[in-house]
Protein backbone atom coordinates (compact mmCIF):
# COMPACT_ATOMS: atom_id res chain seq x y z
CA MET A 1 -6.77 -36.15 70.28
CA LYS A 2 -10.55 -36.46 70.16
CA VAL A 3 -12.19 -38.82 72.64
CA GLU A 4 -15.71 -40.03 71.84
CA LEU A 5 -18.03 -40.54 74.83
CA PRO A 6 -20.21 -43.64 74.92
CA ASN A 7 -23.85 -42.93 73.99
CA GLU A 8 -25.09 -43.22 77.61
CA LYS A 9 -22.44 -40.79 78.84
CA LYS A 10 -23.30 -38.43 75.99
CA MET A 11 -26.93 -38.44 77.02
CA ILE A 12 -26.06 -37.86 80.68
CA ALA A 13 -23.79 -34.93 79.77
CA ILE A 14 -26.51 -33.38 77.58
CA ILE A 15 -29.10 -33.79 80.34
CA ILE A 16 -26.79 -32.16 82.90
CA VAL A 17 -26.18 -29.17 80.59
CA VAL A 18 -29.90 -28.80 79.93
CA LEU A 19 -30.72 -29.02 83.64
CA LEU A 20 -28.14 -26.38 84.45
CA MET A 21 -29.60 -24.08 81.82
CA ILE A 22 -33.11 -24.65 83.16
CA ALA A 23 -31.96 -24.02 86.73
CA THR A 24 -30.31 -20.75 85.73
CA LEU A 25 -33.43 -19.63 83.90
CA TYR A 26 -35.64 -20.73 86.81
CA ILE A 27 -33.62 -18.59 89.23
CA ALA A 28 -34.16 -15.58 86.96
CA ILE A 29 -37.89 -16.25 86.83
CA VAL A 30 -38.27 -16.76 90.57
CA SER A 31 -36.28 -13.61 91.34
CA ILE A 32 -38.84 -11.48 89.51
CA GLU A 33 -41.91 -13.62 90.19
CA LEU A 34 -43.41 -13.35 86.74
CA GLY A 35 -44.58 -15.61 83.95
CA ASP A 36 -43.06 -17.29 80.91
CA VAL A 37 -39.64 -16.24 79.64
CA ILE A 38 -39.05 -15.76 75.94
CA SER A 39 -35.55 -15.25 74.57
CA GLY A 40 -34.75 -12.74 71.89
CA GLY A 41 -33.29 -9.31 71.56
CA PRO A 42 -30.47 -7.25 70.13
CA GLY A 43 -27.07 -8.63 69.26
CA GLU A 44 -25.79 -11.71 71.02
CA GLU A 45 -26.73 -10.50 74.47
CA GLU A 46 -29.44 -12.58 76.14
CA PHE A 47 -32.71 -10.68 76.19
CA LEU A 48 -35.88 -11.69 77.99
CA ILE A 49 -39.51 -10.75 77.44
CA ILE A 50 -41.63 -11.79 80.41
CA PRO A 51 -45.39 -11.27 80.46
CA GLY A 52 -46.56 -10.93 84.04
CA LYS A 53 -49.65 -12.03 85.89
CA ASN A 54 -52.88 -10.21 85.07
CA TYR A 55 -54.22 -8.12 87.96
CA ALA A 56 -57.73 -6.73 88.35
CA VAL A 57 -57.66 -2.95 88.73
CA THR A 58 -61.39 -2.83 89.44
CA ALA A 59 -63.64 -5.39 91.10
CA THR A 60 -67.11 -3.85 91.35
CA PRO A 61 -70.53 -5.30 90.48
CA GLU A 62 -70.96 -2.45 88.02
CA PRO A 63 -69.17 -2.14 84.64
CA ASN A 64 -65.85 -0.43 83.97
CA ASN A 65 -64.39 0.37 80.55
CA GLU A 66 -62.21 2.77 78.52
CA PRO A 67 -59.13 2.84 80.76
CA GLY A 68 -56.51 5.57 80.81
CA MET A 69 -53.14 4.95 82.47
CA ALA A 70 -49.75 6.57 83.14
CA VAL A 71 -46.63 5.66 85.11
CA ASP A 72 -44.76 8.06 87.37
CA PRO A 73 -41.51 9.11 85.62
CA ASN A 74 -39.82 9.22 89.03
CA ASP A 75 -41.12 5.88 90.36
CA PRO A 76 -42.06 2.98 88.05
CA MET A 77 -43.91 1.30 90.92
CA HIS A 78 -46.36 4.23 91.04
CA ILE A 79 -49.09 3.89 88.41
CA VAL A 80 -52.36 5.79 88.07
CA ALA A 81 -55.25 4.52 85.95
CA ALA A 82 -58.80 5.72 85.32
CA SER A 83 -61.93 4.44 83.59
CA ASN A 84 -65.61 4.94 82.92
CA ASP A 85 -66.76 3.64 86.31
CA TYR A 86 -70.45 2.82 86.76
CA GLY A 87 -70.17 2.14 90.49
CA THR A 88 -71.84 5.48 91.25
CA PRO A 89 -74.90 6.52 93.29
CA ASN A 90 -76.96 7.18 90.15
CA GLY A 91 -75.61 4.16 88.24
CA ASP A 92 -74.31 6.31 85.40
CA ALA A 93 -70.70 6.47 84.25
CA TRP A 94 -68.25 8.67 86.12
CA VAL A 95 -64.48 8.96 85.92
CA GLY A 96 -63.08 6.58 88.49
CA TYR A 97 -59.38 6.68 89.29
CA TYR A 98 -57.12 3.96 90.68
CA VAL A 99 -53.65 4.22 92.20
CA SER A 100 -51.02 1.52 92.63
CA TRP A 101 -47.76 1.90 94.56
CA ASP A 102 -46.55 -1.68 93.99
CA GLY A 103 -46.23 -1.88 90.23
CA GLY A 104 -49.87 -2.74 89.56
CA LYS A 105 -50.45 -5.61 91.98
CA THR A 106 -52.90 -3.73 94.19
CA TRP A 107 -55.04 -0.66 93.54
CA THR A 108 -57.06 1.88 95.48
CA ARG A 109 -60.30 3.25 93.98
CA ASP A 110 -62.07 6.63 94.09
CA LEU A 111 -64.17 8.91 91.88
CA ILE A 112 -63.34 12.37 90.56
CA PRO A 113 -65.26 14.88 92.76
CA GLY A 114 -68.62 16.15 91.55
CA TYR A 115 -70.59 12.91 91.26
CA LEU A 116 -74.06 12.66 92.80
CA GLY A 117 -73.76 12.82 96.59
CA GLY A 118 -69.99 13.28 96.45
CA PRO A 119 -67.65 16.20 97.15
CA ILE A 120 -68.62 19.49 95.52
CA SER A 121 -66.64 20.45 92.41
CA PRO A 122 -67.13 22.31 89.11
CA LEU A 123 -68.66 19.04 87.83
CA THR A 124 -71.42 18.99 90.46
CA GLY A 125 -74.85 18.72 88.86
CA MET A 126 -73.66 16.68 85.88
CA ASP A 127 -75.10 13.21 85.34
CA LEU A 128 -72.00 11.58 83.91
CA SER A 129 -68.31 11.96 83.13
CA GLY A 130 -66.00 9.70 81.16
CA ASP A 131 -63.37 9.13 78.45
CA PRO A 132 -60.48 9.55 80.92
CA VAL A 133 -56.87 10.16 79.92
CA VAL A 134 -54.06 10.13 82.54
CA CYS A 135 -50.71 11.98 82.43
CA PHE A 136 -47.87 12.70 84.85
CA ASP A 137 -45.59 15.71 84.71
CA ALA A 138 -41.88 15.62 85.58
CA GLN A 139 -42.59 16.57 89.22
CA GLY A 140 -45.02 13.68 89.76
CA ASN A 141 -48.24 15.71 89.54
CA VAL A 142 -51.08 13.71 88.00
CA PHE A 143 -53.62 15.01 85.47
CA ILE A 144 -56.84 13.31 84.42
CA SER A 145 -58.87 14.75 81.55
CA GLY A 146 -62.40 13.74 80.64
CA LEU A 147 -65.76 14.82 79.31
CA PHE A 148 -68.89 15.62 81.32
CA ALA A 149 -72.57 15.86 80.35
CA LYS A 150 -76.13 16.18 81.53
CA ARG A 151 -78.58 13.58 80.25
CA ALA A 152 -81.34 14.85 77.95
CA ARG A 153 -84.63 14.33 79.79
CA ASN A 154 -88.02 15.55 78.63
CA PRO A 155 -91.60 14.21 78.52
CA VAL A 156 -90.90 12.08 75.45
CA ASN A 157 -87.52 10.91 76.78
CA PRO A 158 -87.94 10.35 80.55
CA LEU A 159 -85.03 7.92 80.81
CA GLY A 160 -82.50 10.44 79.55
CA PHE A 161 -81.09 8.86 76.42
CA GLY A 162 -78.65 11.18 74.65
CA PHE A 163 -77.44 14.54 75.90
CA ASN A 164 -78.70 18.07 76.39
CA ALA A 165 -77.68 20.75 73.95
CA GLY A 166 -76.47 24.00 75.43
CA ARG A 167 -74.30 24.31 78.52
CA ALA A 168 -74.71 20.75 79.81
CA ASP A 169 -71.57 19.11 78.42
CA GLY A 170 -67.87 19.89 78.09
CA ILE A 171 -64.26 18.92 78.80
CA PHE A 172 -62.41 19.05 82.14
CA VAL A 173 -58.92 18.48 83.51
CA ALA A 174 -58.41 17.41 87.14
CA LYS A 175 -55.04 17.79 88.87
CA SER A 176 -53.52 15.91 91.82
CA THR A 177 -50.45 17.09 93.71
CA ASP A 178 -50.35 14.05 96.01
CA GLY A 179 -49.74 11.24 93.54
CA GLY A 180 -53.40 10.60 92.78
CA ALA A 181 -54.70 10.37 96.35
CA THR A 182 -56.97 13.38 95.74
CA PHE A 183 -58.01 15.51 92.76
CA ASP A 184 -59.09 18.76 94.37
CA GLN A 185 -58.37 21.06 91.43
CA ILE A 186 -60.71 20.75 88.44
CA SER A 187 -60.61 23.10 85.43
CA ILE A 188 -63.39 23.37 82.85
CA LEU A 189 -61.83 23.79 79.38
CA ALA A 190 -64.99 24.07 77.33
CA THR A 191 -68.76 23.92 77.63
CA ALA A 192 -71.39 23.64 74.95
CA MET A 193 -72.38 27.29 75.58
CA GLN A 194 -69.12 28.39 73.95
CA THR A 195 -70.06 26.80 70.63
CA MET A 196 -73.86 26.93 70.95
CA ILE A 197 -75.55 23.64 69.95
CA SER A 198 -72.74 21.13 70.33
CA PHE A 199 -71.35 18.10 72.06
CA HIS A 200 -67.71 17.73 73.12
CA ASP A 201 -66.23 14.24 72.79
CA LYS A 202 -63.12 12.04 72.91
CA GLU A 203 -60.47 14.32 74.37
CA TRP A 204 -56.78 13.43 74.63
CA MET A 205 -54.03 15.05 76.67
CA ALA A 206 -50.24 15.42 76.79
CA VAL A 207 -47.82 17.13 79.19
CA ASP A 208 -44.52 18.78 78.25
CA MET A 209 -41.94 17.29 80.61
CA ASN A 210 -39.67 20.31 80.21
CA ASN A 211 -42.01 23.10 81.31
CA GLY A 212 -45.15 21.46 82.69
CA ASN A 213 -47.45 22.75 79.95
CA VAL A 214 -50.65 20.72 79.58
CA TYR A 215 -52.23 20.30 76.15
CA VAL A 216 -55.69 18.89 75.36
CA VAL A 217 -57.40 18.10 72.04
CA TRP A 218 -60.91 16.83 71.37
CA VAL A 219 -63.75 16.86 68.86
CA VAL A 220 -66.82 19.06 69.04
CA PHE A 221 -69.97 17.98 67.19
CA THR A 222 -72.21 20.83 66.06
CA ILE A 223 -75.25 21.25 63.78
CA LEU A 224 -75.63 18.53 61.10
CA SER A 225 -73.00 16.43 62.93
CA VAL A 226 -70.12 18.62 61.76
CA ALA A 227 -67.11 17.54 63.82
CA ASN A 228 -64.09 19.83 64.26
CA VAL A 229 -60.93 19.33 66.31
CA LEU A 230 -60.44 21.74 69.22
CA PHE A 231 -57.28 22.51 71.20
CA SER A 232 -56.69 24.13 74.58
CA ARG A 233 -53.48 24.63 76.55
CA SER A 234 -52.27 25.46 80.01
CA THR A 235 -48.94 27.27 80.39
CA ASP A 236 -49.14 27.37 84.20
CA ASN A 237 -48.96 23.65 84.95
CA GLY A 238 -52.67 22.98 84.62
CA ASN A 239 -53.96 25.80 86.80
CA SER A 240 -55.79 27.56 83.94
CA PHE A 241 -56.53 26.84 80.28
CA SER A 242 -56.83 28.88 77.10
CA THR A 243 -60.03 29.45 75.14
CA PRO A 244 -60.41 26.48 72.75
CA GLN A 245 -59.38 27.01 69.14
CA VAL A 246 -60.26 24.97 66.04
CA ILE A 247 -57.15 23.35 64.54
CA SER A 248 -58.79 21.18 61.86
CA GLU A 249 -59.35 22.65 58.42
CA TYR A 250 -62.69 24.16 57.40
CA SER A 251 -61.56 25.09 53.88
CA ALA A 252 -60.93 21.47 52.89
CA PHE A 253 -64.39 20.43 54.14
CA GLU A 254 -62.66 18.52 56.90
CA ILE A 255 -65.82 18.23 59.01
CA ALA A 256 -66.09 14.52 59.92
CA ASN A 257 -63.21 14.17 62.36
CA GLN A 258 -62.78 11.89 65.35
CA GLY A 259 -60.11 10.16 67.41
CA SER A 260 -57.80 13.10 67.99
CA THR A 261 -54.60 12.36 69.91
CA ILE A 262 -51.63 14.49 70.99
CA GLN A 263 -47.95 14.15 71.97
CA VAL A 264 -45.01 16.42 72.85
CA THR A 265 -41.47 15.64 71.70
CA PRO A 266 -38.38 16.61 73.76
CA ASP A 267 -37.87 19.81 71.73
CA GLY A 268 -41.30 21.06 72.82
CA ARG A 269 -43.04 20.55 69.47
CA VAL A 270 -46.73 19.71 69.97
CA HIS A 271 -48.03 17.02 67.58
CA VAL A 272 -51.72 16.33 66.91
CA TRP A 273 -53.40 13.63 64.80
CA TRP A 274 -56.99 12.67 64.02
CA ILE A 275 -58.96 10.71 61.43
CA ASP A 276 -60.90 12.59 58.78
CA PHE A 277 -63.58 10.04 57.92
CA ASN A 278 -64.68 12.03 54.86
CA GLN A 279 -61.28 11.53 53.28
CA ALA A 280 -60.43 8.26 55.10
CA GLN A 281 -57.08 9.77 56.09
CA VAL A 282 -54.92 10.23 59.17
CA ARG A 283 -54.49 14.01 59.45
CA TYR A 284 -51.51 15.63 61.17
CA THR A 285 -50.54 19.09 62.38
CA PHE A 286 -47.90 20.49 64.74
CA SER A 287 -47.05 23.59 66.73
CA ASP A 288 -43.62 25.02 67.49
CA ASP A 289 -44.87 27.81 69.76
CA GLN A 290 -46.44 25.79 72.58
CA GLY A 291 -49.80 25.56 70.86
CA GLY A 292 -50.11 29.22 69.93
CA THR A 293 -50.39 28.40 66.23
CA PHE A 294 -50.48 25.16 64.22
CA SER A 295 -49.23 24.11 60.81
CA GLN A 296 -51.59 23.45 57.92
CA PRO A 297 -53.08 19.97 58.53
CA ARG A 298 -51.96 17.32 56.06
CA SER A 299 -52.67 13.65 55.40
CA ILE A 300 -49.98 11.14 56.34
CA ALA A 301 -51.75 7.77 55.89
CA ASP A 302 -54.93 6.27 54.53
CA VAL A 303 -57.40 4.47 56.79
CA VAL A 304 -59.89 1.71 56.00
CA GLU A 305 -62.45 1.95 58.78
CA ILE A 306 -63.47 -1.34 60.36
CA PRO A 307 -67.20 -2.13 60.68
CA ARG A 308 -68.82 -0.63 63.74
CA TYR A 309 -69.68 -4.19 64.78
CA VAL A 310 -67.19 -6.70 63.37
CA ASP A 311 -68.15 -10.36 62.98
CA GLY A 312 -68.78 -12.10 66.30
CA ASN A 313 -69.22 -8.84 68.24
CA ASP A 314 -72.35 -7.44 69.84
CA TYR A 315 -70.24 -4.50 71.08
CA ARG A 316 -68.99 -1.64 68.91
CA THR A 317 -65.42 -1.45 67.63
CA PRO A 318 -64.66 2.05 66.36
CA THR A 319 -61.57 3.05 64.40
CA LEU A 320 -59.60 5.49 66.56
CA LEU A 321 -55.97 6.61 66.77
CA MET A 322 -53.50 6.10 69.60
CA SER A 323 -50.05 7.73 69.67
CA ALA A 324 -46.73 7.85 71.50
CA ALA A 325 -43.50 9.86 71.38
CA ASP A 326 -39.99 8.79 72.30
CA PRO A 327 -39.29 10.70 75.55
CA ASN A 328 -35.55 10.97 74.88
CA ASP A 329 -35.10 11.23 71.11
CA GLU A 330 -34.18 14.81 70.23
CA ASN A 331 -34.83 14.03 66.55
CA GLY A 332 -38.50 13.45 67.32
CA SER A 333 -39.58 9.79 67.02
CA LEU A 334 -43.37 9.46 66.83
CA TYR A 335 -45.72 6.48 66.55
CA VAL A 336 -49.41 6.28 65.62
CA THR A 337 -51.56 3.13 65.66
CA TRP A 338 -55.15 2.18 64.80
CA ASN A 339 -57.28 -0.81 63.76
CA ASP A 340 -57.81 -1.13 60.00
CA TYR A 341 -59.88 -3.27 57.62
CA ARG A 342 -57.86 -3.16 54.39
CA THR A 343 -57.19 -6.93 54.38
CA GLY A 344 -60.84 -7.89 54.89
CA ASP A 345 -60.57 -8.28 58.65
CA SER A 346 -59.40 -5.97 61.41
CA ASP A 347 -55.64 -5.59 61.89
CA ALA A 348 -53.54 -3.40 64.19
CA LEU A 349 -51.53 -0.99 62.03
CA LEU A 350 -48.78 1.48 62.92
CA ILE A 351 -46.85 4.28 61.22
CA PHE A 352 -43.79 6.10 62.54
CA SER A 353 -41.65 9.18 61.95
CA HIS A 354 -38.03 9.70 63.01
CA ASP A 355 -37.71 13.30 61.83
CA ASN A 356 -40.24 15.08 64.05
CA GLY A 357 -43.17 14.44 61.73
CA ALA A 358 -41.59 15.58 58.44
CA THR A 359 -41.85 12.12 56.82
CA TRP A 360 -43.81 9.00 57.74
CA SER A 361 -43.35 5.29 57.18
CA ASP A 362 -45.73 2.99 55.35
CA GLN A 363 -48.36 1.25 57.43
CA LEU A 364 -46.94 -1.71 59.35
CA ARG A 365 -49.08 -4.65 60.50
CA MET A 366 -48.52 -5.36 64.20
CA ASN A 367 -50.32 -8.72 64.42
CA ASP A 368 -48.33 -11.56 62.82
CA ASP A 369 -51.14 -14.07 62.19
CA GLU A 370 -52.01 -15.00 58.61
CA GLU A 371 -53.14 -11.95 56.67
CA GLY A 372 -56.81 -11.95 55.67
CA ASN A 373 -57.68 -14.99 57.80
CA GLY A 374 -60.97 -13.45 58.97
CA LEU A 375 -59.79 -13.13 62.60
CA ASP A 376 -59.77 -9.67 64.12
CA GLN A 377 -57.32 -7.55 66.10
CA TYR A 378 -58.35 -4.12 67.39
CA PHE A 379 -57.95 -1.43 70.09
CA PRO A 380 -54.16 -1.20 69.68
CA ALA A 381 -52.26 1.07 72.08
CA VAL A 382 -48.62 2.14 71.81
CA ALA A 383 -45.99 3.34 74.29
CA VAL A 384 -42.25 4.10 74.12
CA SER A 385 -39.86 3.29 76.96
CA PRO A 386 -36.92 5.56 77.88
CA ASP A 387 -34.51 3.37 75.87
CA GLY A 388 -36.54 4.02 72.70
CA PHE A 389 -38.13 0.57 72.53
CA VAL A 390 -41.67 0.70 71.11
CA HIS A 391 -44.44 -1.40 72.68
CA VAL A 392 -47.83 -2.22 71.15
CA PHE A 393 -50.70 -4.12 72.78
CA PHE A 394 -54.03 -5.07 71.19
CA TYR A 395 -57.08 -7.31 71.48
CA ASP A 396 -56.60 -10.49 69.42
CA LYS A 397 -59.01 -13.24 68.29
CA ARG A 398 -56.48 -15.40 66.46
CA ASN A 399 -57.03 -18.40 68.73
CA ASP A 400 -60.78 -18.67 68.10
CA GLU A 401 -61.84 -19.82 64.64
CA ASN A 402 -65.31 -18.40 65.37
CA ASN A 403 -63.77 -14.92 65.80
CA THR A 404 -65.47 -14.32 69.15
CA ILE A 405 -63.14 -15.15 72.07
CA MET A 406 -60.20 -12.78 72.49
CA GLU A 407 -56.98 -12.27 74.39
CA VAL A 408 -54.41 -9.50 74.79
CA TYR A 409 -51.32 -9.70 72.57
CA TYR A 410 -48.05 -7.76 72.75
CA THR A 411 -45.21 -6.95 70.38
CA MET A 412 -42.16 -4.68 70.63
CA SER A 413 -39.60 -3.03 68.38
CA MET A 414 -36.03 -2.36 69.46
CA ASP A 415 -35.08 -0.31 66.39
CA GLY A 416 -37.69 2.43 66.25
CA GLY A 417 -40.40 0.44 64.49
CA MET A 418 -38.34 -1.02 61.63
CA ASN A 419 -38.53 -4.58 62.96
CA TRP A 420 -40.83 -6.23 65.50
CA THR A 421 -40.49 -9.23 67.78
CA PHE A 422 -42.95 -12.07 67.44
CA ASN A 423 -46.38 -11.57 69.02
CA ILE A 424 -46.77 -12.70 72.63
CA ASN A 425 -49.98 -13.55 74.47
CA ALA A 426 -49.95 -11.25 77.52
CA SER A 427 -53.28 -12.36 79.02
CA ASP A 428 -53.61 -15.33 81.35
CA ALA A 429 -57.30 -15.91 80.48
CA SER A 430 -59.35 -15.56 77.31
CA PHE A 431 -62.69 -13.74 77.39
CA ASN A 432 -65.78 -12.94 75.35
CA GLY A 433 -66.44 -9.24 74.90
CA ASN A 434 -70.12 -10.03 74.35
CA ASN A 435 -70.32 -10.68 78.10
CA ALA A 436 -69.93 -6.95 78.77
CA PRO A 437 -73.01 -5.24 80.25
CA HIS A 438 -74.97 -3.25 77.67
CA ALA A 439 -72.71 -4.77 74.97
CA PHE A 440 -70.05 -2.10 75.51
CA ILE A 441 -66.34 -2.60 76.23
CA GLY A 442 -65.39 1.01 75.52
CA ASP A 443 -63.61 2.48 72.52
CA TYR A 444 -59.94 2.14 73.49
CA ASN A 445 -57.40 0.75 75.97
CA ALA A 446 -54.20 2.19 77.45
CA ALA A 447 -50.46 1.49 77.26
CA ALA A 448 -47.50 2.98 79.15
CA ALA A 449 -43.82 2.15 79.58
CA SER A 450 -40.91 2.69 81.94
CA GLU A 451 -37.38 1.34 81.91
CA HIS A 452 -37.56 -2.48 81.46
CA THR A 453 -41.37 -2.61 81.76
CA ALA A 454 -44.34 -2.08 79.43
CA TYR A 455 -47.83 -1.77 80.90
CA TYR A 456 -51.31 -2.33 79.48
CA ALA A 457 -54.75 -1.72 80.95
CA TRP A 458 -57.84 -3.05 79.20
CA CYS A 459 -61.54 -3.79 79.58
CA ASP A 460 -61.86 -7.51 80.40
CA THR A 461 -65.01 -9.64 80.66
CA ARG A 462 -63.55 -12.87 82.04
CA GLU A 463 -65.89 -12.70 85.08
CA GLY A 464 -68.96 -12.13 82.91
CA THR A 465 -71.46 -14.52 81.36
CA PRO A 466 -74.26 -13.92 78.82
CA GLU A 467 -76.72 -13.98 81.73
CA THR A 468 -74.71 -11.89 84.20
CA GLY A 469 -72.55 -9.46 82.26
CA ASP A 470 -69.44 -7.99 83.85
CA SER A 471 -66.55 -5.86 82.64
CA GLU A 472 -63.54 -4.88 84.74
CA ILE A 473 -60.27 -3.10 84.09
CA TYR A 474 -57.33 -5.50 84.04
CA PHE A 475 -53.61 -4.76 84.04
CA VAL A 476 -50.42 -6.51 82.95
CA ALA A 477 -46.74 -5.56 83.22
CA VAL A 478 -44.38 -7.04 80.62
CA LYS A 479 -40.72 -7.17 81.56
CA PHE A 480 -38.04 -6.82 78.88
CA GLY A 481 -34.26 -6.62 78.86
CA CYS A 482 -31.19 -8.56 79.91
CA PRO A 483 -31.48 -10.76 83.04
CA ASP A 484 -29.22 -8.43 85.04
CA CYS A 485 -31.44 -5.47 84.14
CA PHE A 486 -34.25 -6.83 86.27
CA GLU A 487 -32.06 -6.91 89.36
CA GLU A 488 -31.29 -3.23 88.84
CA ASP A 489 -34.99 -2.41 88.42
CA ASN A 490 -37.07 -2.86 91.57
CA THR A 491 -40.35 -3.41 89.73
CA GLU A 492 -41.68 -6.95 89.79
């Protein structure tokens, strides 16, 4: 027998149910002290995506940009970041590093040894260092790679614009055995003397979690701006490195390369990508003997380079690659992302492989705003969490019809890149990149992931104005998973 409730009683019952649902959800939010909750996820199980509060990693009067970041595989509360830090005695960029032991809420700050007036190191005497990349190994050791250089000063260039040819630039790797408190060991991988007139640029690094090998790739510019990809490895956990070898292809006139990036899959295969701007292609090679030899490079995707200065920007926006590997997939799941101009504005694109690089997907568009709307997305970064979920963050201007003000957006895939959740705004303030000092916000940002949490570090100008420019490194942690998962995970 069906009994109909009067309308007032119906409304009261509905309100009670809604209030109970809200109360349950509120308890979940309060217990992890984060921001808005968005439902979604696999199957019928409740799944939450929770963007957290934005925290300032740096807070100096001087600029900071181009962050690197990694999370300790043994402790998701322990995060190490780095950036081009201009808070130095000579006012030039140096690799600053920042350590958090509380999941990114608070950070300590220091500089890699060798800066003017600082501790003596193999970098002593250099004017600048930068382009940092951060990696952990399985034991919790921390590695930071970067470039170093001496400014070119002479009677017609007293201010030191540009760089000296010869021995005054190169690539280094610094190692910390105390979680990032100190970086006392610094190895020089390459100097310009090894390749005569040259400049070494844009290195990237990966660590094999099985054996502690450290691998580094970068680009060296030589006479007539020829740019080749170099590779060096350490098979003794970063204590020494091999003589650099060229792994790009001379015979195919592949001489305009940039944006090299590197990953290691669980089987030990070393994967390297870069953009050949002559061919407008993503190039790919791999090594199955720990970097001793590499396969013939081949193209796996086409690239439409975005303008160096897209509409609304006074700062440059290069087209570079970022990559990630699934840490637990023995079949070798790999992901590569970049910003691309094929639709008439800048979009964040991604390709993936689930067979250790043998075949690659078509390009997938990460931003879900209207295609070709004239609003730009760029500087995407990708990370894979231990459960195989794929996380992509990027700058996004979709909420400003003038294509100037931007925010940080986030999307994730739970099926290896086949399908993606809706885009989520992960920043709690919008900002104008034109407020960066010297009109420079860097060339890339950084993503990382642990169980139930994805992390992003980016150059943010929310404290800056056109009159008083400022750029700082900001950080967000995005929670994902079932409500009970967060109780099992101590990160907040």
